[in-house]
Amino acid sequence: PMAYNRDLQEDREALFDAIDTTIACARITAGMWKTLTVHADRYEEELRYDFLLATEIADYLATKGVPFREAHHVSGSIVGWCEGKGTDFRALTADQLAQFHPQLGADVLDDLNPRAAAERRTSLGGTSSIEIDKQVVALRAMLATNS
């Protein structure tokens, strides 16, 4: 517009709402961090065989030369089968795995170790301990220069 136009006042409403929501979320998150208790001793056992690690099955197949699209579908089929049985990956045997895909061996279950899965992610910003250490160093340096 070439002059004052009250029609533009509506464009800020969404911005102000987003700012209010962000501030509220930051306050809630700060409160959560203050009272958070991490039970590290239970972490790996609770995640072992959890469906959060289903992508490890797809990655396993991809390393065997299976296209990722197909590997992802197989992984999803396995999760669906487990859910249908009311169980998790522990119910899988070598014979059952072979029914989902001929490239699946019983050793795929070894990939369902949460710590090993995290350590396999070595790309920039990944979850391996080396990458986390790099990010911590970078963040501390950034905080030191901005303080």
N, C-alpha and C. Protein backbone atom coordinates (compact mmCIF):
# COMPACT_ATOMS: atom_id res chain seq x y z
N PRO A 1 0.83 -1.21 0.00
CA PRO A 1 0.00 0.00 0.00
C PRO A 1 0.86 1.25 0.00
N MET A 2 0.28 2.30 -0.54
CA MET A 2 1.00 3.56 -0.67
C MET A 2 0.81 4.44 0.56
N ALA A 3 -0.16 4.13 1.38
CA ALA A 3 -0.42 4.96 2.55
C ALA A 3 -0.82 4.04 3.71
N TYR A 4 -1.12 4.67 4.86
CA TYR A 4 -1.52 3.89 6.03
C TYR A 4 -2.71 3.01 5.66
N ASN A 5 -2.61 1.72 6.02
CA ASN A 5 -3.66 0.80 5.65
C ASN A 5 -3.94 -0.11 6.84
N ARG A 6 -5.10 0.05 7.43
CA ARG A 6 -5.43 -0.72 8.62
C ARG A 6 -5.60 -2.21 8.31
N ASP A 7 -5.73 -2.57 7.05
CA ASP A 7 -5.86 -3.97 6.69
C ASP A 7 -4.62 -4.77 7.09
N LEU A 8 -3.48 -4.11 7.22
CA LEU A 8 -2.25 -4.80 7.56
C LEU A 8 -2.14 -5.15 9.04
N GLN A 9 -3.03 -4.62 9.87
CA GLN A 9 -2.92 -4.91 11.30
C GLN A 9 -3.17 -6.38 11.61
N GLU A 10 -3.88 -7.09 10.75
CA GLU A 10 -4.19 -8.49 10.98
C GLU A 10 -2.97 -9.40 10.77
N ASP A 11 -1.97 -8.92 10.05
CA ASP A 11 -0.83 -9.79 9.76
C ASP A 11 0.04 -10.04 10.98
N ARG A 12 -0.08 -9.20 12.00
CA ARG A 12 0.76 -9.34 13.18
C ARG A 12 0.15 -10.28 14.23
N GLU A 13 -1.11 -10.55 14.13
CA GLU A 13 -1.79 -11.39 15.12
C GLU A 13 -1.14 -12.77 15.23
N ALA A 14 -0.85 -13.38 14.11
CA ALA A 14 -0.21 -14.70 14.11
C ALA A 14 1.19 -14.62 14.70
N LEU A 15 1.92 -13.55 14.41
CA LEU A 15 3.26 -13.37 14.96
C LEU A 15 3.21 -13.26 16.48
N PHE A 16 2.32 -12.43 17.01
CA PHE A 16 2.22 -12.27 18.46
C PHE A 16 1.81 -13.56 19.14
N ASP A 17 0.91 -14.30 18.52
CA ASP A 17 0.49 -15.59 19.07
C ASP A 17 1.67 -16.57 19.10
N ALA A 18 2.46 -16.58 18.03
CA ALA A 18 3.63 -17.47 17.97
C ALA A 18 4.66 -17.10 19.03
N ILE A 19 4.85 -15.81 19.26
CA ILE A 19 5.80 -15.36 20.29
C ILE A 19 5.31 -15.78 21.68
N ASP A 20 4.03 -15.56 21.96
CA ASP A 20 3.47 -15.97 23.26
C ASP A 20 3.61 -17.47 23.48
N THR A 21 3.34 -18.26 22.45
CA THR A 21 3.45 -19.71 22.55
C THR A 21 4.91 -20.13 22.79
N THR A 22 5.83 -19.49 22.09
CA THR A 22 7.25 -19.81 22.24
C THR A 22 7.73 -19.49 23.66
N ILE A 23 7.33 -18.35 24.19
CA ILE A 23 7.72 -17.99 25.56
C ILE A 23 7.15 -18.99 26.56
N ALA A 24 5.90 -19.36 26.40
CA ALA A 24 5.29 -20.35 27.30
C ALA A 24 6.02 -21.69 27.21
N CYS A 25 6.35 -22.12 26.01
CA CYS A 25 7.07 -23.39 25.84
C CYS A 25 8.45 -23.33 26.47
N ALA A 26 9.13 -22.20 26.34
CA ALA A 26 10.46 -22.05 26.94
C ALA A 26 10.37 -22.12 28.46
N ARG A 27 9.35 -21.52 29.04
CA ARG A 27 9.17 -21.58 30.50
C ARG A 27 8.88 -23.01 30.96
N ILE A 28 8.03 -23.71 30.23
CA ILE A 28 7.70 -25.09 30.58
C ILE A 28 8.95 -25.96 30.47
N THR A 29 9.71 -25.77 29.40
CA THR A 29 10.92 -26.57 29.20
C THR A 29 11.94 -26.30 30.30
N ALA A 30 12.10 -25.05 30.68
CA ALA A 30 13.03 -24.71 31.77
C ALA A 30 12.61 -25.40 33.06
N GLY A 31 11.33 -25.39 33.36
CA GLY A 31 10.83 -26.07 34.55
C GLY A 31 11.04 -27.57 34.49
N MET A 32 10.87 -28.13 33.30
CA MET A 32 11.08 -29.57 33.14
C MET A 32 12.53 -29.93 33.39
N TRP A 33 13.46 -29.15 32.85
CA TRP A 33 14.88 -29.44 33.03
C TRP A 33 15.29 -29.33 34.50
N LYS A 34 14.68 -28.42 35.23
CA LYS A 34 15.02 -28.25 36.65
C LYS A 34 14.61 -29.46 37.48
N THR A 35 13.55 -30.14 37.08
CA THR A 35 13.04 -31.25 37.89
C THR A 35 13.27 -32.62 37.26
N LEU A 36 13.93 -32.66 36.11
CA LEU A 36 14.14 -33.90 35.38
C LEU A 36 15.08 -34.84 36.14
N THR A 37 14.69 -36.09 36.22
CA THR A 37 15.55 -37.13 36.77
C THR A 37 15.76 -38.17 35.69
N VAL A 38 17.01 -38.41 35.32
CA VAL A 38 17.33 -39.39 34.28
C VAL A 38 17.77 -40.67 34.97
N HIS A 39 17.14 -41.76 34.62
CA HIS A 39 17.50 -43.07 35.14
C HIS A 39 18.35 -43.77 34.08
N ALA A 40 19.62 -43.38 34.01
CA ALA A 40 20.52 -43.87 32.97
C ALA A 40 20.66 -45.38 33.00
N ASP A 41 20.55 -45.96 34.19
CA ASP A 41 20.70 -47.41 34.29
C ASP A 41 19.56 -48.16 33.59
N ARG A 42 18.42 -47.52 33.41
CA ARG A 42 17.27 -48.16 32.75
C ARG A 42 17.19 -47.84 31.27
N TYR A 43 17.94 -46.85 30.83
CA TYR A 43 17.85 -46.35 29.47
C TYR A 43 17.97 -47.45 28.41
N GLU A 44 19.10 -48.13 28.42
CA GLU A 44 19.33 -49.11 27.36
C GLU A 44 18.37 -50.28 27.42
N GLU A 45 18.07 -50.74 28.60
CA GLU A 45 17.17 -51.90 28.71
C GLU A 45 15.76 -51.54 28.24
N GLU A 46 15.31 -50.34 28.56
CA GLU A 46 13.97 -49.92 28.14
C GLU A 46 13.88 -49.75 26.63
N LEU A 47 14.96 -49.31 26.01
CA LEU A 47 14.94 -49.08 24.56
C LEU A 47 15.26 -50.32 23.75
N ARG A 48 15.93 -51.28 24.36
CA ARG A 48 16.31 -52.48 23.60
C ARG A 48 15.02 -53.17 23.09
N TYR A 49 15.01 -53.46 21.82
CA TYR A 49 13.88 -54.09 21.13
C TYR A 49 12.69 -53.15 20.95
N ASP A 50 12.86 -51.88 21.27
CA ASP A 50 11.78 -50.91 21.10
C ASP A 50 11.62 -50.56 19.62
N PHE A 51 10.42 -50.22 19.22
CA PHE A 51 10.17 -49.91 17.82
C PHE A 51 10.87 -48.63 17.37
N LEU A 52 11.37 -47.83 18.30
CA LEU A 52 12.17 -46.67 17.92
C LEU A 52 13.39 -47.09 17.11
N LEU A 53 13.82 -48.33 17.31
CA LEU A 53 15.00 -48.84 16.62
C LEU A 53 14.66 -49.56 15.31
N ALA A 54 13.43 -49.42 14.84
CA ALA A 54 13.01 -50.12 13.63
C ALA A 54 13.84 -49.70 12.42
N THR A 55 14.30 -48.47 12.40
CA THR A 55 15.11 -48.03 11.27
C THR A 55 16.44 -48.78 11.21
N GLU A 56 16.86 -49.35 12.33
CA GLU A 56 18.09 -50.16 12.31
C GLU A 56 17.91 -51.37 11.41
N ILE A 57 16.71 -51.92 11.38
CA ILE A 57 16.43 -53.06 10.50
C ILE A 57 16.54 -52.61 9.04
N ALA A 58 15.96 -51.46 8.74
CA ALA A 58 16.04 -50.93 7.38
C ALA A 58 17.50 -50.63 7.00
N ASP A 59 18.24 -50.05 7.92
CA ASP A 59 19.65 -49.77 7.64
C ASP A 59 20.45 -51.05 7.42
N TYR A 60 20.15 -52.07 8.20
CA TYR A 60 20.80 -53.37 8.06
C TYR A 60 20.58 -53.91 6.66
N LEU A 61 19.33 -53.88 6.21
CA LEU A 61 19.02 -54.37 4.87
C LEU A 61 19.70 -53.53 3.79
N ALA A 62 19.76 -52.23 4.02
CA ALA A 62 20.40 -51.36 3.04
C ALA A 62 21.89 -51.69 2.90
N THR A 63 22.53 -52.06 4.01
CA THR A 63 23.94 -52.45 3.92
C THR A 63 24.11 -53.77 3.18
N LYS A 64 23.03 -54.53 3.05
CA LYS A 64 23.06 -55.79 2.31
C LYS A 64 22.70 -55.58 0.83
N GLY A 65 22.53 -54.30 0.44
CA GLY A 65 22.24 -54.00 -0.96
C GLY A 65 20.77 -53.86 -1.28
N VAL A 66 19.90 -53.95 -0.29
CA VAL A 66 18.46 -53.80 -0.52
C VAL A 66 18.16 -52.30 -0.64
N PRO A 67 17.43 -51.87 -1.66
CA PRO A 67 17.06 -50.45 -1.76
C PRO A 67 16.34 -49.99 -0.48
N PHE A 68 16.65 -48.77 -0.04
CA PHE A 68 16.12 -48.32 1.24
C PHE A 68 14.60 -48.29 1.24
N ARG A 69 13.99 -47.94 0.13
CA ARG A 69 12.52 -47.91 0.08
C ARG A 69 11.95 -49.29 0.43
N GLU A 70 12.54 -50.33 -0.14
CA GLU A 70 12.10 -51.70 0.13
C GLU A 70 12.44 -52.08 1.58
N ALA A 71 13.64 -51.70 2.02
CA ALA A 71 14.07 -52.02 3.38
C ALA A 71 13.16 -51.37 4.41
N HIS A 72 12.74 -50.14 4.14
CA HIS A 72 11.84 -49.43 5.04
C HIS A 72 10.49 -50.14 5.10
N HIS A 73 10.01 -50.60 3.96
CA HIS A 73 8.74 -51.32 3.91
C HIS A 73 8.84 -52.62 4.72
N VAL A 74 9.94 -53.34 4.59
CA VAL A 74 10.14 -54.59 5.33
C VAL A 74 10.16 -54.29 6.83
N SER A 75 10.87 -53.26 7.21
CA SER A 75 10.94 -52.88 8.63
C SER A 75 9.55 -52.56 9.17
N GLY A 76 8.77 -51.83 8.40
CA GLY A 76 7.40 -51.52 8.81
C GLY A 76 6.53 -52.76 8.92
N SER A 77 6.74 -53.70 8.02
CA SER A 77 5.98 -54.95 8.08
C SER A 77 6.31 -55.73 9.35
N ILE A 78 7.58 -55.72 9.73
CA ILE A 78 7.99 -56.41 10.95
C ILE A 78 7.36 -55.76 12.17
N VAL A 79 7.36 -54.43 12.22
CA VAL A 79 6.73 -53.72 13.33
C VAL A 79 5.24 -54.05 13.38
N GLY A 80 4.59 -54.04 12.22
CA GLY A 80 3.16 -54.37 12.17
C GLY A 80 2.89 -55.78 12.66
N TRP A 81 3.75 -56.72 12.28
CA TRP A 81 3.59 -58.10 12.73
C TRP A 81 3.73 -58.18 14.25
N CYS A 82 4.74 -57.51 14.78
CA CYS A 82 4.95 -57.52 16.24
C CYS A 82 3.76 -56.90 16.97
N GLU A 83 3.29 -55.77 16.46
CA GLU A 83 2.14 -55.12 17.10
C GLU A 83 0.91 -56.02 17.06
N GLY A 84 0.73 -56.71 15.95
CA GLY A 84 -0.40 -57.64 15.82
C GLY A 84 -0.33 -58.77 16.83
N LYS A 85 0.88 -59.17 17.18
CA LYS A 85 1.08 -60.23 18.17
C LYS A 85 1.14 -59.68 19.60
N GLY A 86 1.11 -58.34 19.73
CA GLY A 86 1.19 -57.73 21.06
C GLY A 86 2.56 -57.90 21.71
N THR A 87 3.60 -57.87 20.89
CA THR A 87 4.94 -58.08 21.42
C THR A 87 5.91 -57.08 20.79
N ASP A 88 7.19 -57.28 21.01
CA ASP A 88 8.20 -56.42 20.40
C ASP A 88 9.17 -57.29 19.61
N PHE A 89 10.33 -56.75 19.28
CA PHE A 89 11.28 -57.48 18.44
C PHE A 89 11.83 -58.75 19.09
N ARG A 90 11.68 -58.90 20.39
CA ARG A 90 12.19 -60.11 21.07
C ARG A 90 11.50 -61.37 20.57
N ALA A 91 10.30 -61.24 20.03
CA ALA A 91 9.54 -62.40 19.57
C ALA A 91 10.05 -62.95 18.25
N LEU A 92 10.93 -62.21 17.59
CA LEU A 92 11.40 -62.62 16.27
C LEU A 92 12.45 -63.71 16.36
N THR A 93 12.29 -64.72 15.53
CA THR A 93 13.29 -65.78 15.40
C THR A 93 13.93 -65.66 14.02
N ALA A 94 15.00 -66.40 13.81
CA ALA A 94 15.68 -66.37 12.51
C ALA A 94 14.73 -66.79 11.39
N ASP A 95 13.91 -67.80 11.65
CA ASP A 95 12.96 -68.27 10.62
C ASP A 95 11.92 -67.21 10.29
N GLN A 96 11.42 -66.51 11.33
CA GLN A 96 10.43 -65.46 11.10
C GLN A 96 11.04 -64.30 10.32
N LEU A 97 12.26 -63.94 10.65
CA LEU A 97 12.93 -62.85 9.95
C LEU A 97 13.08 -63.18 8.46
N ALA A 98 13.44 -64.41 8.18
CA ALA A 98 13.63 -64.83 6.78
C ALA A 98 12.33 -64.76 6.00
N GLN A 99 11.20 -64.88 6.67
CA GLN A 99 9.91 -64.78 5.98
C GLN A 99 9.64 -63.34 5.52
N PHE A 100 10.21 -62.37 6.22
CA PHE A 100 10.01 -60.97 5.84
C PHE A 100 10.91 -60.57 4.68
N HIS A 101 12.14 -61.11 4.67
CA HIS A 101 13.06 -60.80 3.57
C HIS A 101 14.22 -61.79 3.62
N PRO A 102 14.63 -62.30 2.45
CA PRO A 102 15.71 -63.31 2.43
C PRO A 102 17.06 -62.77 2.93
N GLN A 103 17.27 -61.46 2.89
CA GLN A 103 18.54 -60.88 3.36
C GLN A 103 18.58 -60.69 4.87
N LEU A 104 17.47 -60.91 5.54
CA LEU A 104 17.44 -60.71 7.00
C LEU A 104 18.00 -61.93 7.70
N GLY A 105 19.04 -61.71 8.45
CA GLY A 105 19.61 -62.77 9.26
C GLY A 105 19.33 -62.51 10.73
N ALA A 106 19.54 -63.51 11.54
CA ALA A 106 19.30 -63.35 12.98
C ALA A 106 20.21 -62.29 13.58
N ASP A 107 21.35 -62.01 12.91
CA ASP A 107 22.27 -61.01 13.44
C ASP A 107 21.70 -59.59 13.40
N VAL A 108 20.58 -59.39 12.68
CA VAL A 108 19.95 -58.07 12.68
C VAL A 108 19.50 -57.68 14.09
N LEU A 109 19.16 -58.67 14.90
CA LEU A 109 18.72 -58.37 16.27
C LEU A 109 19.85 -57.75 17.09
N ASP A 110 21.11 -58.03 16.71
CA ASP A 110 22.24 -57.40 17.39
C ASP A 110 22.26 -55.90 17.14
N ASP A 111 21.71 -55.47 15.99
CA ASP A 111 21.67 -54.05 15.66
C ASP A 111 20.64 -53.29 16.49
N LEU A 112 19.83 -53.99 17.24
CA LEU A 112 18.78 -53.34 18.04
C LEU A 112 19.29 -52.95 19.42
N ASN A 113 20.57 -52.82 19.55
CA ASN A 113 21.19 -52.33 20.79
C ASN A 113 21.20 -50.81 20.71
N PRO A 114 20.54 -50.12 21.65
CA PRO A 114 20.41 -48.66 21.55
C PRO A 114 21.75 -47.92 21.52
N ARG A 115 22.69 -48.34 22.33
CA ARG A 115 23.99 -47.65 22.36
C ARG A 115 24.73 -47.83 21.03
N ALA A 116 24.72 -49.07 20.52
CA ALA A 116 25.37 -49.33 19.23
C ALA A 116 24.69 -48.55 18.11
N ALA A 117 23.37 -48.47 18.17
CA ALA A 117 22.63 -47.72 17.16
C ALA A 117 23.02 -46.24 17.19
N ALA A 118 23.14 -45.68 18.38
CA ALA A 118 23.54 -44.28 18.51
C ALA A 118 24.96 -44.07 18.02
N GLU A 119 25.84 -44.99 18.32
CA GLU A 119 27.25 -44.86 17.91
C GLU A 119 27.43 -45.00 16.40
N ARG A 120 26.50 -45.65 15.71
CA ARG A 120 26.59 -45.77 14.25
C ARG A 120 26.31 -44.46 13.54
N ARG A 121 25.70 -43.53 14.22
CA ARG A 121 25.35 -42.24 13.60
C ARG A 121 26.53 -41.26 13.74
N THR A 122 27.45 -41.33 12.79
CA THR A 122 28.69 -40.57 12.89
C THR A 122 28.74 -39.34 11.99
N SER A 123 27.66 -39.04 11.28
CA SER A 123 27.66 -37.86 10.42
C SER A 123 27.59 -36.60 11.29
N LEU A 124 27.85 -35.46 10.68
CA LEU A 124 27.85 -34.18 11.40
C LEU A 124 26.54 -34.01 12.17
N GLY A 125 26.64 -33.80 13.46
CA GLY A 125 25.46 -33.63 14.30
C GLY A 125 24.80 -34.93 14.69
N GLY A 126 25.45 -36.06 14.40
CA GLY A 126 24.89 -37.37 14.71
C GLY A 126 24.91 -37.67 16.21
N THR A 127 24.46 -38.86 16.56
CA THR A 127 24.32 -39.22 17.97
C THR A 127 25.49 -39.99 18.54
N SER A 128 26.53 -40.23 17.73
CA SER A 128 27.69 -40.93 18.27
C SER A 128 28.36 -40.07 19.34
N SER A 129 29.04 -40.70 20.27
CA SER A 129 29.67 -39.94 21.36
C SER A 129 30.70 -38.96 20.81
N ILE A 130 31.38 -39.32 19.73
CA ILE A 130 32.37 -38.41 19.14
C ILE A 130 31.68 -37.16 18.60
N GLU A 131 30.56 -37.34 17.90
CA GLU A 131 29.83 -36.18 17.36
C GLU A 131 29.23 -35.33 18.48
N ILE A 132 28.74 -35.96 19.52
CA ILE A 132 28.19 -35.19 20.65
C ILE A 132 29.29 -34.36 21.30
N ASP A 133 30.47 -34.97 21.49
CA ASP A 133 31.59 -34.23 22.07
C ASP A 133 31.96 -33.03 21.21
N LYS A 134 31.95 -33.20 19.88
CA LYS A 134 32.24 -32.08 18.98
C LYS A 134 31.22 -30.96 19.15
N GLN A 135 29.95 -31.33 19.27
CA GLN A 135 28.90 -30.33 19.42
C GLN A 135 29.01 -29.60 20.76
N VAL A 136 29.36 -30.33 21.81
CA VAL A 136 29.53 -29.71 23.13
C VAL A 136 30.66 -28.69 23.07
N VAL A 137 31.78 -29.05 22.45
CA VAL A 137 32.91 -28.12 22.32
C VAL A 137 32.48 -26.89 21.54
N ALA A 138 31.78 -27.09 20.43
CA ALA A 138 31.33 -25.96 19.60
C ALA A 138 30.36 -25.06 20.37
N LEU A 139 29.42 -25.66 21.11
CA LEU A 139 28.46 -24.85 21.86
C LEU A 139 29.13 -24.09 23.00
N ARG A 140 30.08 -24.72 23.67
CA ARG A 140 30.81 -24.02 24.75
C ARG A 140 31.61 -22.86 24.19
N ALA A 141 32.23 -23.04 23.03
CA ALA A 141 32.98 -21.96 22.40
C ALA A 141 32.04 -20.82 22.03
N MET A 142 30.85 -21.16 21.50
CA MET A 142 29.88 -20.14 21.14
C MET A 142 29.41 -19.38 22.38
N LEU A 143 29.14 -20.11 23.46
CA LEU A 143 28.71 -19.45 24.69
C LEU A 143 29.81 -18.56 25.26
N ALA A 144 31.04 -19.00 25.16
CA ALA A 144 32.16 -18.22 25.69
C ALA A 144 32.33 -16.90 24.92
N THR A 145 32.11 -16.94 23.62
CA THR A 145 32.27 -15.72 22.82
C THR A 145 31.08 -14.79 22.97
N ASN A 146 29.91 -15.33 23.33
CA ASN A 146 28.71 -14.50 23.47
C ASN A 146 28.47 -14.03 24.89
N SER A 147 29.30 -14.43 25.82
CA SER A 147 29.10 -14.04 27.23
C SER A 147 29.72 -12.72 27.55
